[in-house]
Amino acid sequence: MSQLINKAKDFVSDKISDVAKPEASLSDVDFTRVTMNNVEYLAKVAVHNPYSHPLPICEINYSFKSATREIASGRIPDPGSLKAKDTTMVDVPVKVPYSILMSLAKDIGADWDIDYQLDLGLVIDLPVVGNFTIPLSRKGEVKLPKPF
């Protein structure tokens, strides 16, 4: 009996691995604005849906790091859906508190930028398969607004 169950599991996992899945790329991270408490950035994610029907995005998880230190993280529940047979642009706002930026003064230096790593997890609800997470990561430099 257990052999039959194992064969069934192997068969299903082989079939699911061949199923087309959405693909995503993290295209850009830009400065958007300064508030009284933080600096806001916007990460732009392009997600291609290979299916002929829209797919819901369950949530987006993110972690924004500088010098291997996490300076912002969060979860965006139910950010919308992916268009059918199309590429959808998904905006992920990232807020970095000033208190953390001040502790990064050494990295900021004279050029007013920070080296960063942004890790994202897009959780998408695929029919039959269930929740599927697309992991994304991007490293780069992001500019800080210069003081007056």
Protein backbone atom coordinates (compact mmCIF):
# COMPACT_ATOMS: atom_id res chain seq x y z
CA MET A 1 0.00 0.00 0.00
CA SER A 2 2.79 2.45 0.88
CA GLN A 3 4.49 1.71 -2.45
CA LEU A 4 1.31 2.70 -4.28
CA ILE A 5 1.10 5.97 -2.32
CA ASN A 6 4.76 6.74 -3.04
CA LYS A 7 4.24 6.06 -6.77
CA ALA A 8 1.20 8.36 -6.75
CA LYS A 9 3.21 11.12 -5.00
CA ASP A 10 6.05 10.77 -7.52
CA PHE A 11 3.61 10.90 -10.44
CA VAL A 12 1.88 14.04 -9.14
CA SER A 13 5.17 15.81 -8.35
CA ASP A 14 6.49 15.01 -11.86
CA LYS A 15 3.32 16.41 -13.47
CA ILE A 16 3.31 19.55 -11.31
CA SER A 17 6.97 20.29 -12.07
CA ASP A 18 6.05 20.52 -15.78
CA VAL A 19 3.19 22.99 -15.17
CA ALA A 20 3.88 26.52 -16.40
CA LYS A 21 4.30 28.94 -13.51
CA PRO A 22 4.31 32.73 -13.33
CA GLU A 23 7.73 34.35 -13.64
CA ALA A 24 8.81 37.63 -12.08
CA SER A 25 11.67 40.10 -12.20
CA LEU A 26 12.55 42.97 -9.91
CA SER A 27 13.11 45.76 -12.40
CA ASP A 28 13.85 48.85 -10.30
CA VAL A 29 14.05 50.44 -6.84
CA ASP A 30 13.50 54.21 -6.83
CA PHE A 31 13.30 56.95 -4.22
CA THR A 32 9.72 58.26 -4.00
CA ARG A 33 9.46 60.71 -1.11
CA VAL A 34 10.52 61.89 2.32
CA THR A 35 8.07 62.09 5.21
CA MET A 36 8.50 63.32 8.77
CA ASN A 37 9.48 59.80 9.93
CA ASN A 38 11.01 57.94 7.02
CA VAL A 39 12.32 57.77 3.48
CA GLU A 40 10.12 55.88 1.03
CA TYR A 41 11.26 53.81 -1.92
CA LEU A 42 9.26 51.95 -4.54
CA ALA A 43 10.28 48.56 -5.89
CA LYS A 44 8.81 47.70 -9.29
CA VAL A 45 8.16 44.03 -10.00
CA ALA A 46 7.14 42.69 -13.42
CA VAL A 47 5.18 39.42 -13.15
CA HIS A 48 4.25 37.37 -16.24
CA ASN A 49 1.13 35.18 -15.97
CA PRO A 50 1.16 32.33 -18.54
CA TYR A 51 -2.46 31.34 -17.80
CA SER A 52 -5.62 32.41 -19.66
CA HIS A 53 -7.25 33.59 -16.42
CA PRO A 54 -6.21 36.13 -13.78
CA LEU A 55 -4.32 34.86 -10.73
CA PRO A 56 -4.64 36.38 -7.26
CA ILE A 57 -1.52 37.52 -5.45
CA CYS A 58 -2.02 36.37 -1.86
CA GLU A 59 0.72 38.49 -0.33
CA ILE A 60 4.13 40.04 -0.81
CA ASN A 61 6.85 39.71 1.82
CA TYR A 62 9.94 41.90 1.67
CA SER A 63 13.21 42.49 3.48
CA PHE A 64 15.39 45.53 2.71
CA LYS A 65 19.01 45.17 3.89
CA SER A 66 22.11 47.33 3.95
CA ALA A 67 25.51 46.03 5.03
CA THR A 68 23.82 42.68 5.83
CA ARG A 69 21.58 44.47 8.34
CA GLU A 70 17.82 44.47 7.85
CA ILE A 71 16.66 48.09 7.78
CA ALA A 72 13.05 47.53 6.70
CA SER A 73 10.72 44.58 6.29
CA GLY A 74 7.05 44.03 5.82
CA ARG A 75 4.12 42.15 4.40
CA ILE A 76 1.57 43.43 1.92
CA PRO A 77 -1.61 41.33 2.11
CA ASP A 78 -3.81 40.88 -0.98
CA PRO A 79 -2.07 43.36 -3.33
CA GLY A 80 -4.29 42.45 -6.31
CA SER A 81 -4.27 40.04 -9.23
CA LEU A 82 -2.13 39.21 -12.23
CA LYS A 83 -3.68 39.89 -15.64
CA ALA A 84 -4.38 36.84 -17.80
CA LYS A 85 -1.68 36.00 -20.42
CA ASP A 86 0.09 39.30 -19.72
CA THR A 87 2.78 40.98 -17.65
CA THR A 88 1.55 42.92 -14.63
CA MET A 89 3.62 45.60 -12.90
CA VAL A 90 3.37 45.33 -9.11
CA ASP A 91 4.55 48.21 -6.93
CA VAL A 92 6.07 47.39 -3.53
CA PRO A 93 6.48 50.42 -1.25
CA VAL A 94 9.40 50.23 1.21
CA LYS A 95 9.63 52.65 4.15
CA VAL A 96 12.98 53.12 5.89
CA PRO A 97 12.86 54.99 9.23
CA TYR A 98 15.30 57.88 9.72
CA SER A 99 16.59 56.37 12.97
CA ILE A 100 17.93 53.39 11.04
CA LEU A 101 19.40 55.56 8.27
CA MET A 102 21.38 57.56 10.82
CA SER A 103 22.96 54.33 12.09
CA LEU A 104 24.15 53.67 8.53
CA ALA A 105 26.12 56.93 8.31
CA LYS A 106 29.37 55.09 7.52
CA ASP A 107 27.81 53.42 4.46
CA ILE A 108 26.10 56.62 3.32
CA GLY A 109 29.35 58.59 3.27
CA ALA A 110 29.88 61.58 0.99
CA ASP A 111 27.88 60.30 -1.99
CA TRP A 112 24.55 60.02 -0.12
CA ASP A 113 23.66 56.50 -1.22
CA ILE A 114 23.36 53.15 0.48
CA ASP A 115 24.22 49.74 -0.87
CA TYR A 116 21.17 47.53 -0.51
CA GLN A 117 19.76 44.07 -1.01
CA LEU A 118 16.03 43.72 -1.46
CA ASP A 119 14.54 40.25 -1.01
CA LEU A 120 10.92 39.73 -2.08
CA GLY A 121 8.58 36.78 -1.92
CA LEU A 122 5.48 36.95 -4.15
CA VAL A 123 2.92 34.41 -2.95
CA ILE A 124 0.53 33.49 -5.78
CA ASP A 125 -2.45 31.14 -5.63
CA LEU A 126 -2.08 28.63 -8.48
CA PRO A 127 -5.06 26.41 -9.35
CA VAL A 128 -4.57 22.77 -8.26
CA VAL A 129 -1.03 23.46 -7.01
CA GLY A 130 -1.98 25.95 -4.25
CA ASN A 131 0.18 28.77 -2.94
CA PHE A 132 3.41 29.23 -4.89
CA THR A 133 6.14 31.66 -3.80
CA ILE A 134 8.33 33.41 -6.37
CA PRO A 135 11.55 34.49 -4.62
CA LEU A 136 13.27 37.61 -5.96
CA SER A 137 16.42 39.40 -4.91
CA ARG A 138 18.22 42.51 -6.12
CA LYS A 139 21.39 44.29 -5.01
CA GLY A 140 22.27 47.85 -5.88
CA GLU A 141 22.71 51.41 -4.69
CA VAL A 142 19.87 53.70 -3.81
CA LYS A 143 20.21 57.46 -3.46
CA LEU A 144 19.14 59.34 -0.36
CA PRO A 145 17.70 62.84 -0.53
CA LYS A 146 20.43 65.39 0.22
CA PRO A 147 19.88 67.77 3.13
CA PHE A 148 19.35 71.40 2.28
